[in-house]
């Protein structure tokens, strides 16, 4: 009986640790996009968070435009003549009220510019 109790406690401890890590880091959502050099790319991330916000954590390296429109659409335009791969990281944060925000989702966009 005590062995079963110990195994149950270990499993509960491991599951609780995993849940805390997920709550802290949120879910990672990856998207692979393609655009012509110099063309404007608009990518709908989703609806605007009602109790939170989205922010660009990492801008691409070669951009003229890299912005969020109403926290729901990401816009990108490369520098003139750039061809290659860009990476963008956007975090979506929410709050149950008050000043504390937790990461809900992290969007990792890989943009191939032709």
PDB file of N, CA and C in Angstrom:
ATOM      1  N   UNK A   1       0.828  -1.197   0.000  1.00  0.00           N
ATOM      2  CA  UNK A   1       0.000   0.000   0.000  1.00  0.00           C
ATOM      3  C   UNK A   1       0.870   1.258   0.000  1.00  0.00           C
ATOM      4  N   UNK A   2       1.921   1.313   0.815  1.00  0.00           N
ATOM      5  CA  UNK A   2       2.766   2.496   0.868  1.00  0.00           C
ATOM      6  C   UNK A   2       3.531   2.677  -0.445  1.00  0.00           C
ATOM      7  N   UNK A   3       3.862   1.558  -1.115  1.00  0.00           N
ATOM      8  CA  UNK A   3       4.545   1.641  -2.401  1.00  0.00           C
ATOM      9  C   UNK A   3       3.632   2.294  -3.447  1.00  0.00           C
ATOM     10  N   UNK A   4       2.387   1.899  -3.465  1.00  0.00           N
ATOM     11  CA  UNK A   4       1.410   2.472  -4.393  1.00  0.00           C
ATOM     12  C   UNK A   4       1.221   3.962  -4.102  1.00  0.00           C
ATOM     13  N   UNK A   5       1.167   4.323  -2.828  1.00  0.00           N
ATOM     14  CA  UNK A   5       1.035   5.722  -2.442  1.00  0.00           C
ATOM     15  C   UNK A   5       2.236   6.529  -2.924  1.00  0.00           C
ATOM     16  N   UNK A   6       3.447   5.979  -2.756  1.00  0.00           N
ATOM     17  CA  UNK A   6       4.669   6.654  -3.181  1.00  0.00           C
ATOM     18  C   UNK A   6       4.685   6.854  -4.701  1.00  0.00           C
ATOM     19  N   UNK A   7       4.306   5.824  -5.453  1.00  0.00           N
ATOM     20  CA  UNK A   7       4.241   5.934  -6.917  1.00  0.00           C
ATOM     21  C   UNK A   7       3.231   7.006  -7.310  1.00  0.00           C
ATOM     22  N   UNK A   8       2.080   7.033  -6.662  1.00  0.00           N
ATOM     23  CA  UNK A   8       1.068   8.050  -6.942  1.00  0.00           C
ATOM     24  C   UNK A   8       1.575   9.457  -6.658  1.00  0.00           C
ATOM     25  N   UNK A   9       2.324   9.614  -5.569  1.00  0.00           N
ATOM     26  CA  UNK A   9       2.878  10.926  -5.235  1.00  0.00           C
ATOM     27  C   UNK A   9       3.906  11.375  -6.273  1.00  0.00           C
ATOM     28  N   UNK A  10       4.767  10.451  -6.727  1.00  0.00           N
ATOM     29  CA  UNK A  10       5.776  10.783  -7.744  1.00  0.00           C
ATOM     30  C   UNK A  10       5.098  11.206  -9.034  1.00  0.00           C
ATOM     31  N   UNK A  11       4.079  10.469  -9.455  1.00  0.00           N
ATOM     32  CA  UNK A  11       3.353  10.814 -10.684  1.00  0.00           C
ATOM     33  C   UNK A  11       2.675  12.172 -10.530  1.00  0.00           C
ATOM     34  N   UNK A  12       2.052  12.425  -9.397  1.00  0.00           N
ATOM     35  CA  UNK A  12       1.398  13.718  -9.165  1.00  0.00           C
ATOM     36  C   UNK A  12       2.408  14.853  -9.199  1.00  0.00           C
ATOM     37  N   UNK A  13       3.571  14.646  -8.601  1.00  0.00           N
ATOM     38  CA  UNK A  13       4.619  15.653  -8.580  1.00  0.00           C
ATOM     39  C   UNK A  13       5.089  15.965 -10.001  1.00  0.00           C
ATOM     40  N   UNK A  14       5.313  14.916 -10.810  1.00  0.00           N
ATOM     41  CA  UNK A  14       5.766  15.115 -12.189  1.00  0.00           C
ATOM     42  C   UNK A  14       4.708  15.835 -13.022  1.00  0.00           C
ATOM     43  N   UNK A  15       3.454  15.451 -12.852  1.00  0.00           N
ATOM     44  CA  UNK A  15       2.377  16.106 -13.609  1.00  0.00           C
ATOM     45  C   UNK A  15       2.230  17.561 -13.195  1.00  0.00           C
ATOM     46  N   UNK A  16       2.332  17.845 -11.912  1.00  0.00           N
ATOM     47  CA  UNK A  16       2.222  19.232 -11.451  1.00  0.00           C
ATOM     48  C   UNK A  16       3.353  20.076 -11.991  1.00  0.00           C
ATOM     49  N   UNK A  17       4.555  19.537 -12.015  1.00  0.00           N
ATOM     50  CA  UNK A  17       5.698  20.252 -12.578  1.00  0.00           C
ATOM     51  C   UNK A  17       5.491  20.554 -14.048  1.00  0.00           C
ATOM     52  N   UNK A  18       4.957  19.614 -14.801  1.00  0.00           N
ATOM     53  CA  UNK A  18       4.688  19.823 -16.223  1.00  0.00           C
ATOM     54  C   UNK A  18       3.631  20.894 -16.448  1.00  0.00           C
ATOM     55  N   UNK A  19       2.607  20.918 -15.623  1.00  0.00           N
ATOM     56  CA  UNK A  19       1.552  21.919 -15.779  1.00  0.00           C
ATOM     57  C   UNK A  19       2.087  23.319 -15.515  1.00  0.00           C
ATOM     58  N   UNK A  20       2.892  23.477 -14.488  1.00  0.00           N
ATOM     59  CA  UNK A  20       3.449  24.791 -14.189  1.00  0.00           C
ATOM     60  C   UNK A  20       4.303  25.295 -15.351  1.00  0.00           C
ATOM     61  N   UNK A  21       5.085  24.417 -15.919  1.00  0.00           N
ATOM     62  CA  UNK A  21       5.934  24.829 -17.032  1.00  0.00           C
ATOM     63  C   UNK A  21       5.070  25.260 -18.215  1.00  0.00           C
ATOM     64  N   UNK A  22       3.998  24.535 -18.500  1.00  0.00           N
ATOM     65  CA  UNK A  22       3.112  24.901 -19.602  1.00  0.00           C
ATOM     66  C   UNK A  22       2.439  26.243 -19.337  1.00  0.00           C
ATOM     67  N   UNK A  23       2.002  26.485 -18.111  1.00  0.00           N
ATOM     68  CA  UNK A  23       1.361  27.754 -17.779  1.00  0.00           C
ATOM     69  C   UNK A  23       2.346  28.908 -17.928  1.00  0.00           C
ATOM     70  N   UNK A  24       3.597  28.659 -17.590  1.00  0.00           N
ATOM     71  CA  UNK A  24       4.605  29.711 -17.649  1.00  0.00           C
ATOM     72  C   UNK A  24       4.993  30.038 -19.093  1.00  0.00           C
ATOM     73  N   UNK A  25       5.166  29.015 -19.924  1.00  0.00           N
ATOM     74  CA  UNK A  25       5.661  29.215 -21.276  1.00  0.00           C
ATOM     75  C   UNK A  25       4.568  29.269 -22.334  1.00  0.00           C
ATOM     76  N   UNK A  26       3.402  28.776 -22.045  1.00  0.00           N
ATOM     77  CA  UNK A  26       2.327  28.767 -23.020  1.00  0.00           C
ATOM     78  C   UNK A  26       2.574  27.771 -24.141  1.00  0.00           C
ATOM     79  N   UNK A  27       1.755  27.852 -25.151  1.00  0.00           N
ATOM     80  CA  UNK A  27       1.832  26.955 -26.297  1.00  0.00           C
ATOM     81  C   UNK A  27       2.606  27.635 -27.423  1.00  0.00           C
ATOM     82  N   UNK A  28       3.494  26.893 -28.090  1.00  0.00           N
ATOM     83  CA  UNK A  28       4.249  27.417 -29.225  1.00  0.00           C
ATOM     84  C   UNK A  28       3.532  27.009 -30.508  1.00  0.00           C
ATOM     85  N   UNK A  29       3.213  27.999 -31.345  1.00  0.00           N
ATOM     86  CA  UNK A  29       2.514  27.766 -32.611  1.00  0.00           C
ATOM     87  C   UNK A  29       3.421  28.245 -33.732  1.00  0.00           C
ATOM     88  N   UNK A  30       3.792  27.322 -34.624  1.00  0.00           N
ATOM     89  CA  UNK A  30       4.714  27.659 -35.708  1.00  0.00           C
ATOM     90  C   UNK A  30       3.957  27.766 -37.030  1.00  0.00           C
ATOM     91  N   UNK A  31       4.351  28.760 -37.826  1.00  0.00           N
ATOM     92  CA  UNK A  31       3.790  28.950 -39.165  1.00  0.00           C
ATOM     93  C   UNK A  31       4.933  29.187 -40.136  1.00  0.00           C
ATOM     94  N   UNK A  32       4.843  28.561 -41.294  1.00  0.00           N
ATOM     95  CA  UNK A  32       5.836  28.752 -42.347  1.00  0.00           C
ATOM     96  C   UNK A  32       5.142  29.511 -43.478  1.00  0.00           C
ATOM     97  N   UNK A  33       5.668  30.693 -43.818  1.00  0.00           N
ATOM     98  CA  UNK A  33       5.041  31.569 -44.805  1.00  0.00           C
ATOM     99  C   UNK A  33       6.009  31.849 -45.945  1.00  0.00           C
ATOM    100  N   UNK A  34       5.477  32.260 -47.091  1.00  0.00           N
ATOM    101  CA  UNK A  34       6.299  32.582 -48.259  1.00  0.00           C
ATOM    102  C   UNK A  34       5.759  33.869 -48.882  1.00  0.00           C
ATOM    103  N   UNK A  35       6.694  34.749 -49.317  1.00  0.00           N
ATOM    104  CA  UNK A  35       6.306  36.011 -49.935  1.00  0.00           C
ATOM    105  C   UNK A  35       7.374  36.413 -50.948  1.00  0.00           C
ATOM    106  N   UNK A  36       6.980  37.160 -51.952  1.00  0.00           N
ATOM    107  CA  UNK A  36       7.929  37.695 -52.935  1.00  0.00           C
ATOM    108  C   UNK A  36       8.671  38.872 -52.313  1.00  0.00           C
ATOM    109  N   UNK A  37       9.928  39.042 -52.697  1.00  0.00           N
ATOM    110  CA  UNK A  37      10.735  40.143 -52.187  1.00  0.00           C
ATOM    111  C   UNK A  37      10.055  41.479 -52.494  1.00  0.00           C
ATOM    112  N   UNK A  38       9.904  42.318 -51.479  1.00  0.00           N
ATOM    113  CA  UNK A  38       9.292  43.638 -51.627  1.00  0.00           C
ATOM    114  C   UNK A  38       7.780  43.643 -51.551  1.00  0.00           C
ATOM    115  N   UNK A  39       7.132  42.450 -51.596  1.00  0.00           N
ATOM    116  CA  UNK A  39       5.663  42.384 -51.513  1.00  0.00           C
ATOM    117  C   UNK A  39       5.227  42.469 -50.049  1.00  0.00           C
ATOM    118  N   UNK A  40       4.006  42.945 -49.837  1.00  0.00           N
ATOM    119  CA  UNK A  40       3.458  43.063 -48.486  1.00  0.00           C
ATOM    120  C   UNK A  40       2.770  41.760 -48.103  1.00  0.00           C
ATOM    121  N   UNK A  41       3.157  41.222 -46.958  1.00  0.00           N
ATOM    122  CA  UNK A  41       2.548  40.004 -46.422  1.00  0.00           C
ATOM    123  C   UNK A  41       1.667  40.395 -45.251  1.00  0.00           C
ATOM    124  N   UNK A  42       0.423  39.926 -45.246  1.00  0.00           N
ATOM    125  CA  UNK A  42      -0.463  40.106 -44.103  1.00  0.00           C
ATOM    126  C   UNK A  42      -0.880  38.731 -43.633  1.00  0.00           C
ATOM    127  N   UNK A  43      -0.651  38.446 -42.350  1.00  0.00           N
ATOM    128  CA  UNK A  43      -0.951  37.139 -41.782  1.00  0.00           C
ATOM    129  C   UNK A  43      -1.862  37.316 -40.578  1.00  0.00           C
ATOM    130  N   UNK A  44      -3.071  36.747 -40.660  1.00  0.00           N
ATOM    131  CA  UNK A  44      -4.043  36.850 -39.561  1.00  0.00           C
ATOM    132  C   UNK A  44      -3.665  35.850 -38.479  1.00  0.00           C
ATOM    133  N   UNK A  45      -3.317  36.376 -37.319  1.00  0.00           N
ATOM    134  CA  UNK A  45      -2.922  35.538 -36.191  1.00  0.00           C
ATOM    135  C   UNK A  45      -4.152  34.977 -35.490  1.00  0.00           C
ATOM    136  N   UNK A  46      -5.172  35.783 -35.379  1.00  0.00           N
ATOM    137  CA  UNK A  46      -6.385  35.390 -34.665  1.00  0.00           C
ATOM    138  C   UNK A  46      -7.068  36.637 -34.149  1.00  0.00           C
ATOM    139  N   UNK A  47      -8.123  36.445 -33.397  1.00  0.00           N
ATOM    140  CA  UNK A  47      -8.839  37.582 -32.825  1.00  0.00           C
ATOM    141  C   UNK A  47      -7.976  38.294 -31.785  1.00  0.00           C
ATOM    142  N   UNK A  48      -8.230  39.557 -31.610  1.00  0.00           N
ATOM    143  CA  UNK A  48      -7.522  40.347 -30.603  1.00  0.00           C
ATOM    144  C   UNK A  48      -7.871  39.809 -29.220  1.00  0.00           C
ATOM    145  N   UNK A  49      -6.858  39.568 -28.354  1.00  0.00           N
ATOM    146  CA  UNK A  49      -7.152  39.096 -26.994  1.00  0.00           C
ATOM    147  C   UNK A  49      -8.016  40.115 -26.249  1.00  0.00           C
ATOM    148  N   UNK A  50      -9.054  39.648 -25.540  1.00  0.00           N
ATOM    149  CA  UNK A  50      -9.940  40.568 -24.820  1.00  0.00           C
ATOM    150  C   UNK A  50      -9.321  41.041 -23.509  1.00  0.00           C
ATOM    151  N   UNK A  51      -8.574  40.188 -22.836  1.00  0.00           N
ATOM    152  CA  UNK A  51      -7.929  40.546 -21.569  1.00  0.00           C
ATOM    153  C   UNK A  51      -6.424  40.363 -21.695  1.00  0.00           C
ATOM    154  N   UNK A  52      -5.824  41.038 -22.666  1.00  0.00           N
ATOM    155  CA  UNK A  52      -4.388  40.893 -22.853  1.00  0.00           C
ATOM    156  C   UNK A  52      -3.920  41.594 -24.115  1.00  0.00           C
ATOM    157  N   UNK A  53      -2.778  41.171 -24.618  1.00  0.00           N
ATOM    158  CA  UNK A  53      -2.202  41.821 -25.789  1.00  0.00           C
ATOM    159  C   UNK A  53      -1.200  40.890 -26.455  1.00  0.00           C
ATOM    160  N   UNK A  54      -0.776  41.248 -27.651  1.00  0.00           N
ATOM    161  CA  UNK A  54       0.296  40.559 -28.368  1.00  0.00           C
ATOM    162  C   UNK A  54       1.399  41.562 -28.625  1.00  0.00           C
ATOM    163  N   UNK A  55       2.633  41.067 -28.621  1.00  0.00           N
ATOM    164  CA  UNK A  55       3.767  41.941 -28.925  1.00  0.00           C
ATOM    165  C   UNK A  55       4.822  41.162 -29.695  1.00  0.00           C
ATOM    166  N   UNK A  56       5.539  41.879 -30.556  1.00  0.00           N
ATOM    167  CA  UNK A  56       6.614  41.269 -31.319  1.00  0.00           C
ATOM    168  C   UNK A  56       7.840  41.210 -30.412  1.00  0.00           C
ATOM    169  N   UNK A  57       8.334  40.013 -30.165  1.00  0.00           N
ATOM    170  CA  UNK A  57       9.502  39.802 -29.316  1.00  0.00           C
ATOM    171  C   UNK A  57      10.776  39.850 -30.154  1.00  0.00           C
ATOM    172  N   UNK A  58      10.706  39.300 -31.364  1.00  0.00           N
ATOM    173  CA  UNK A  58      11.855  39.315 -32.267  1.00  0.00           C
ATOM    174  C   UNK A  58      11.378  39.722 -33.659  1.00  0.00           C
ATOM    175  N   UNK A  59      11.875  40.854 -34.132  1.00  0.00           N
ATOM    176  CA  UNK A  59      11.586  41.303 -35.494  1.00  0.00           C
ATOM    177  C   UNK A  59      12.499  40.570 -36.470  1.00  0.00           C
ATOM    178  N   UNK A  60      12.100  40.499 -37.750  1.00  0.00           N
ATOM    179  CA  UNK A  60      13.003  39.933 -38.748  1.00  0.00           C
ATOM    180  C   UNK A  60      14.223  40.846 -38.926  1.00  0.00           C
ATOM    181  N   UNK A  61      15.262  40.322 -39.561  1.00  0.00           N
ATOM    182  CA  UNK A  61      16.499  41.090 -39.714  1.00  0.00           C
ATOM    183  C   UNK A  61      16.466  42.078 -40.878  1.00  0.00           C
ATOM    184  N   UNK A  62      15.666  41.803 -41.916  1.00  0.00           N
ATOM    185  CA  UNK A  62      15.697  42.609 -43.148  1.00  0.00           C
ATOM    186  C   UNK A  62      14.280  43.081 -43.501  1.00  0.00           C
ATOM    187  N   UNK A  63      13.775  44.061 -42.768  1.00  0.00           N
ATOM    188  CA  UNK A  63      12.387  44.478 -43.007  1.00  0.00           C
ATOM    189  C   UNK A  63      12.255  45.983 -43.212  1.00  0.00           C
ATOM    190  N   UNK A  64      11.270  46.347 -44.019  1.00  0.00           N
ATOM    191  CA  UNK A  64      10.800  47.728 -44.107  1.00  0.00           C
ATOM    192  C   UNK A  64       9.600  47.897 -43.184  1.00  0.00           C
ATOM    193  N   UNK A  65       8.728  46.864 -43.174  1.00  0.00           N
ATOM    194  CA  UNK A  65       7.543  46.862 -42.311  1.00  0.00           C
ATOM    195  C   UNK A  65       7.528  45.572 -41.507  1.00  0.00           C
ATOM    196  N   UNK A  66       7.352  45.684 -40.217  1.00  0.00           N
ATOM    197  CA  UNK A  66       7.158  44.553 -39.315  1.00  0.00           C
ATOM    198  C   UNK A  66       6.311  45.081 -38.168  1.00  0.00           C
ATOM    199  N   UNK A  67       4.999  44.789 -38.230  1.00  0.00           N
ATOM    200  CA  UNK A  67       4.091  45.382 -37.252  1.00  0.00           C
ATOM    201  C   UNK A  67       2.868  44.525 -37.026  1.00  0.00           C
ATOM    202  N   UNK A  68       2.233  44.745 -35.878  1.00  0.00           N
ATOM    203  CA  UNK A  68       0.956  44.122 -35.561  1.00  0.00           C
ATOM    204  C   UNK A  68      -0.147  45.147 -35.743  1.00  0.00           C
ATOM    205  N   UNK A  69      -1.222  44.736 -36.391  1.00  0.00           N
ATOM    206  CA  UNK A  69      -2.394  45.595 -36.571  1.00  0.00           C
ATOM    207  C   UNK A  69      -3.479  45.084 -35.621  1.00  0.00           C
ATOM    208  N   UNK A  70      -3.854  45.890 -34.647  1.00  0.00           N
ATOM    209  CA  UNK A  70      -4.878  45.550 -33.646  1.00  0.00           C
ATOM    210  C   UNK A  70      -4.607  44.204 -32.975  1.00  0.00           C
ATOM    211  N   UNK A  71      -3.345  43.812 -32.843  1.00  0.00           N
ATOM    212  CA  UNK A  71      -2.937  42.546 -32.209  1.00  0.00           C
ATOM    213  C   UNK A  71      -3.526  41.312 -32.879  1.00  0.00           C
ATOM    214  N   UNK A  72      -4.089  41.461 -34.072  1.00  0.00           N
ATOM    215  CA  UNK A  72      -4.696  40.298 -34.717  1.00  0.00           C
ATOM    216  C   UNK A  72      -4.051  39.950 -36.056  1.00  0.00           C
ATOM    217  N   UNK A  73      -3.377  40.904 -36.690  1.00  0.00           N
ATOM    218  CA  UNK A  73      -2.766  40.682 -38.000  1.00  0.00           C
ATOM    219  C   UNK A  73      -1.317  41.157 -37.969  1.00  0.00           C
ATOM    220  N   UNK A  74      -0.421  40.301 -38.475  1.00  0.00           N
ATOM    221  CA  UNK A  74       0.986  40.671 -38.588  1.00  0.00           C
ATOM    222  C   UNK A  74       1.253  41.093 -40.029  1.00  0.00           C
ATOM    223  N   UNK A  75       1.932  42.244 -40.199  1.00  0.00           N
ATOM    224  CA  UNK A  75       2.301  42.736 -41.538  1.00  0.00           C
ATOM    225  C   UNK A  75       3.812  42.772 -41.666  1.00  0.00           C
ATOM    226  N   UNK A  76       4.285  42.312 -42.841  1.00  0.00           N
ATOM    227  CA  UNK A  76       5.730  42.257 -43.102  1.00  0.00           C
ATOM    228  C   UNK A  76       5.996  42.642 -44.557  1.00  0.00           C
ATOM    229  N   UNK A  77       7.044  43.437 -44.734  1.00  0.00           N
ATOM    230  CA  UNK A  77       7.564  43.722 -46.068  1.00  0.00           C
ATOM    231  C   UNK A  77       9.083  43.742 -45.944  1.00  0.00           C
ATOM    232  N   UNK A  78       9.748  43.014 -46.858  1.00  0.00           N
ATOM    233  CA  UNK A  78      11.211  42.914 -46.791  1.00  0.00           C
ATOM    234  C   UNK A  78      11.865  44.170 -47.351  1.00  0.00           C
ATOM    235  N   UNK A  79      13.143  44.321 -47.023  1.00  0.00           N
ATOM    236  CA  UNK A  79      13.945  45.373 -47.635  1.00  0.00           C
ATOM    237  C   UNK A  79      14.014  45.111 -49.141  1.00  0.00           C
ATOM    238  N   UNK A  80      14.213  46.168 -49.901  1.00  0.00           N
ATOM    239  CA  UNK A  80      14.333  46.067 -51.359  1.00  0.00           C
ATOM    240  C   UNK A  80      15.430  45.076 -51.735  1.00  0.00           C
ATOM    241  N   UNK A  81      15.076  44.069 -52.543  1.00  0.00           N
ATOM    242  CA  UNK A  81      16.047  43.116 -53.070  1.00  0.00           C
ATOM    243  C   UNK A  81      16.446  41.994 -52.131  1.00  0.00           C
ATOM    244  N   UNK A  82      15.941  41.988 -50.893  1.00  0.00           N
ATOM    245  CA  UNK A  82      16.313  40.906 -49.972  1.00  0.00           C
ATOM    246  C   UNK A  82      15.654  39.601 -50.393  1.00  0.00           C
ATOM    247  N   UNK A  83      16.447  38.521 -50.340  1.00  0.00           N
ATOM    248  CA  UNK A  83      15.951  37.170 -50.550  1.00  0.00           C
ATOM    249  C   UNK A  83      16.584  36.293 -49.480  1.00  0.00           C
ATOM    250  N   UNK A  84      15.771  35.459 -48.876  1.00  0.00           N
ATOM    251  CA  UNK A  84      16.287  34.587 -47.822  1.00  0.00           C
ATOM    252  C   UNK A  84      15.194  34.226 -46.840  1.00  0.00           C
ATOM    253  N   UNK A  85      15.600  33.841 -45.638  1.00  0.00           N
ATOM    254  CA  UNK A  85      14.662  33.393 -44.604  1.00  0.00           C
ATOM    255  C   UNK A  85      14.685  34.367 -43.429  1.00  0.00           C
ATOM    256  N   UNK A  86      13.499  34.713 -42.988  1.00  0.00           N
ATOM    257  CA  UNK A  86      13.324  35.602 -41.832  1.00  0.00           C
ATOM    258  C   UNK A  86      12.603  34.835 -40.727  1.00  0.00           C
ATOM    259  N   UNK A  87      12.813  35.259 -39.488  1.00  0.00           N
ATOM    260  CA  UNK A  87      12.102  34.677 -38.355  1.00  0.00           C
ATOM    261  C   UNK A  87      11.526  35.786 -37.487  1.00  0.00           C
ATOM    262  N   UNK A  88      10.296  35.564 -37.055  1.00  0.00           N
ATOM    263  CA  UNK A  88       9.575  36.522 -36.219  1.00  0.00           C
ATOM    264  C   UNK A  88       9.008  35.753 -35.032  1.00  0.00           C
ATOM    265  N   UNK A  89       9.053  36.360 -33.849  1.00  0.00           N
ATOM    266  CA  UNK A  89       8.464  35.751 -32.661  1.00  0.00           C
ATOM    267  C   UNK A  89       7.490  36.752 -32.054  1.00  0.00           C
ATOM    268  N   UNK A  90       6.254  36.292 -31.861  1.00  0.00           N
ATOM    269  CA  UNK A  90       5.188  37.127 -31.300  1.00  0.00           C
ATOM    270  C   UNK A  90       4.614  36.411 -30.083  1.00  0.00           C
ATOM    271  N   UNK A  91       4.504  37.127 -28.968  1.00  0.00           N
ATOM    272  CA  UNK A  91       3.906  36.548 -27.768  1.00  0.00           C
ATOM    273  C   UNK A  91       2.501  37.104 -27.572  1.00  0.00           C
ATOM    274  N   UNK A  92       1.624  36.226 -27.152  1.00  0.00           N
ATOM    275  CA  UNK A  92       0.265  36.605 -26.799  1.00  0.00           C
ATOM    276  C   UNK A  92       0.139  36.432 -25.292  1.00  0.00           C
ATOM    277  N   UNK A  93      -0.178  37.526 -24.588  1.00  0.00           N
ATOM    278  CA  UNK A  93      -0.267  37.484 -23.127  1.00  0.00           C
ATOM    279  C   UNK A  93      -1.691  37.799 -22.698  1.00  0.00           C
ATOM    280  N   UNK A  94      -2.069  37.222 -21.568  1.00  0.00           N
ATOM    281  CA  UNK A  94      -3.407  37.485 -21.035  1.00  0.00           C
ATOM    282  C   UNK A  94      -3.339  37.654 -19.533  1.00  0.00           C
ATOM    283  N   UNK A  95      -4.399  38.235 -19.004  1.00  0.00           N
ATOM    284  CA  UNK A  95      -4.499  38.455 -17.572  1.00  0.00           C
ATOM    285  C   UNK A  95      -5.901  38.103 -17.115  1.00  0.00           C
ATOM    286  N   UNK A  96      -5.983  37.485 -15.971  1.00  0.00           N
ATOM    287  CA  UNK A  96      -7.286  37.205 -15.371  1.00  0.00           C
ATOM    288  C   UNK A  96      -7.781  38.416 -14.598  1.00  0.00           C
ATOM    289  N   UNK A  97      -7.049  39.494 -14.674  1.00  0.00           N
ATOM    290  CA  UNK A  97      -7.368  40.719 -13.947  1.00  0.00           C
ATOM    291  C   UNK A  97      -6.135  41.184 -13.200  1.00  0.00           C
ATOM    292  N   UNK A  98      -6.040  42.439 -12.963  1.00  0.00           N
ATOM    293  CA  UNK A  98      -4.879  42.964 -12.265  1.00  0.00           C
ATOM    294  C   UNK A  98      -3.727  43.237 -13.221  1.00  0.00           C
ATOM    295  N   UNK A  99      -2.531  43.317 -12.663  1.00  0.00           N
ATOM    296  CA  UNK A  99      -1.358  43.703 -13.441  1.00  0.00           C
ATOM    297  C   UNK A  99      -0.495  42.525 -13.873  1.00  0.00           C
ATOM    298  N   UNK A 100      -0.826  41.306 -13.475  1.00  0.00           N
ATOM    299  CA  UNK A 100      -0.009  40.149 -13.808  1.00  0.00           C
ATOM    300  C   UNK A 100      -0.478  39.519 -15.117  1.00  0.00           C
ATOM    301  N   UNK A 101       0.475  39.377 -16.066  1.00  0.00           N
ATOM    302  CA  UNK A 101       0.175  38.768 -17.354  1.00  0.00           C
ATOM    303  C   UNK A 101       0.964  37.478 -17.495  1.00  0.00           C
ATOM    304  N   UNK A 102       0.347  36.464 -18.083  1.00  0.00           N
ATOM    305  CA  UNK A 102       1.043  35.220 -18.364  1.00  0.00           C
ATOM    306  C   UNK A 102       1.008  34.976 -19.865  1.00  0.00           C
ATOM    307  N   UNK A 103       2.015  34.252 -20.356  1.00  0.00           N
ATOM    308  CA  UNK A 103       2.106  33.976 -21.785  1.00  0.00           C
ATOM    309  C   UNK A 103       1.078  32.911 -22.143  1.00  0.00           C
ATOM    310  N   UNK A 104       0.197  33.252 -23.055  1.00  0.00           N
ATOM    311  CA  UNK A 104      -0.822  32.319 -23.513  1.00  0.00           C
ATOM    312  C   UNK A 104      -0.278  31.494 -24.684  1.00  0.00           C
ATOM    313  N   UNK A 105       0.255  32.168 -25.708  1.00  0.00           N
ATOM    314  CA  UNK A 105       0.814  31.518 -26.885  1.00  0.00           C
ATOM    315  C   UNK A 105       2.049  32.267 -27.352  1.00  0.00           C
ATOM    316  N   UNK A 106       2.965  31.535 -27.973  1.00  0.00           N
ATOM    317  CA  UNK A 106       4.095  32.130 -28.657  1.00  0.00           C
ATOM    318  C   UNK A 106       4.005  31.711 -30.117  1.00  0.00           C
ATOM    319  N   UNK A 107       3.928  32.692 -30.998  1.00  0.00           N
ATOM    320  CA  UNK A 107       3.856  32.419 -32.435  1.00  0.00           C
ATOM    321  C   UNK A 107       5.251  32.563 -33.021  1.00  0.00           C
ATOM    322  N   UNK A 108       5.733  31.528 -33.683  1.00  0.00           N
ATOM    323  CA  UNK A 108       7.026  31.590 -34.366  1.00  0.00           C
ATOM    324  C   UNK A 108       6.751  31.524 -35.868  1.00  0.00           C
ATOM    325  N   UNK A 109       7.022  32.632 -36.542  1.00  0.00           N
ATOM    326  CA  UNK A 109       6.789  32.718 -37.967  1.00  0.00           C
ATOM    327  C   UNK A 109       8.118  32.597 -38.701  1.00  0.00           C
ATOM    328  N   UNK A 110       8.180  31.690 -39.658  1.00  0.00           N
ATOM    329  CA  UNK A 110       9.331  31.577 -40.550  1.00  0.00           C
ATOM    330  C   UNK A 110       8.855  32.050 -41.907  1.00  0.00           C
ATOM    331  N   UNK A 111       9.514  33.072 -42.439  1.00  0.00           N
ATOM    332  CA  UNK A 111       9.096  33.680 -43.707  1.00  0.00           C
ATOM    333  C   UNK A 111      10.194  33.474 -44.737  1.00  0.00           C
ATOM    334  N   UNK A 112       9.870  32.749 -45.799  1.00  0.00           N
ATOM    335  CA  UNK A 112      10.796  32.591 -46.920  1.00  0.00           C
ATOM    336  C   UNK A 112      10.490  33.700 -47.923  1.00  0.00           C
ATOM    337  N   UNK A 113      11.505  34.499 -48.216  1.00  0.00           N
ATOM    338  CA  UNK A 113      11.365  35.626 -49.137  1.00  0.00           C
ATOM    339  C   UNK A 113      12.063  35.250 -50.434  1.00  0.00           C
ATOM    340  N   UNK A 114      11.268  35.186 -51.524  1.00  0.00           N
ATOM    341  CA  UNK A 114      11.802  34.802 -52.849  1.00  0.00           C
ATOM    342  C   UNK A 114      12.106  36.012 -53.689  1.00  0.00           C
TER     343      UNK A 114
END
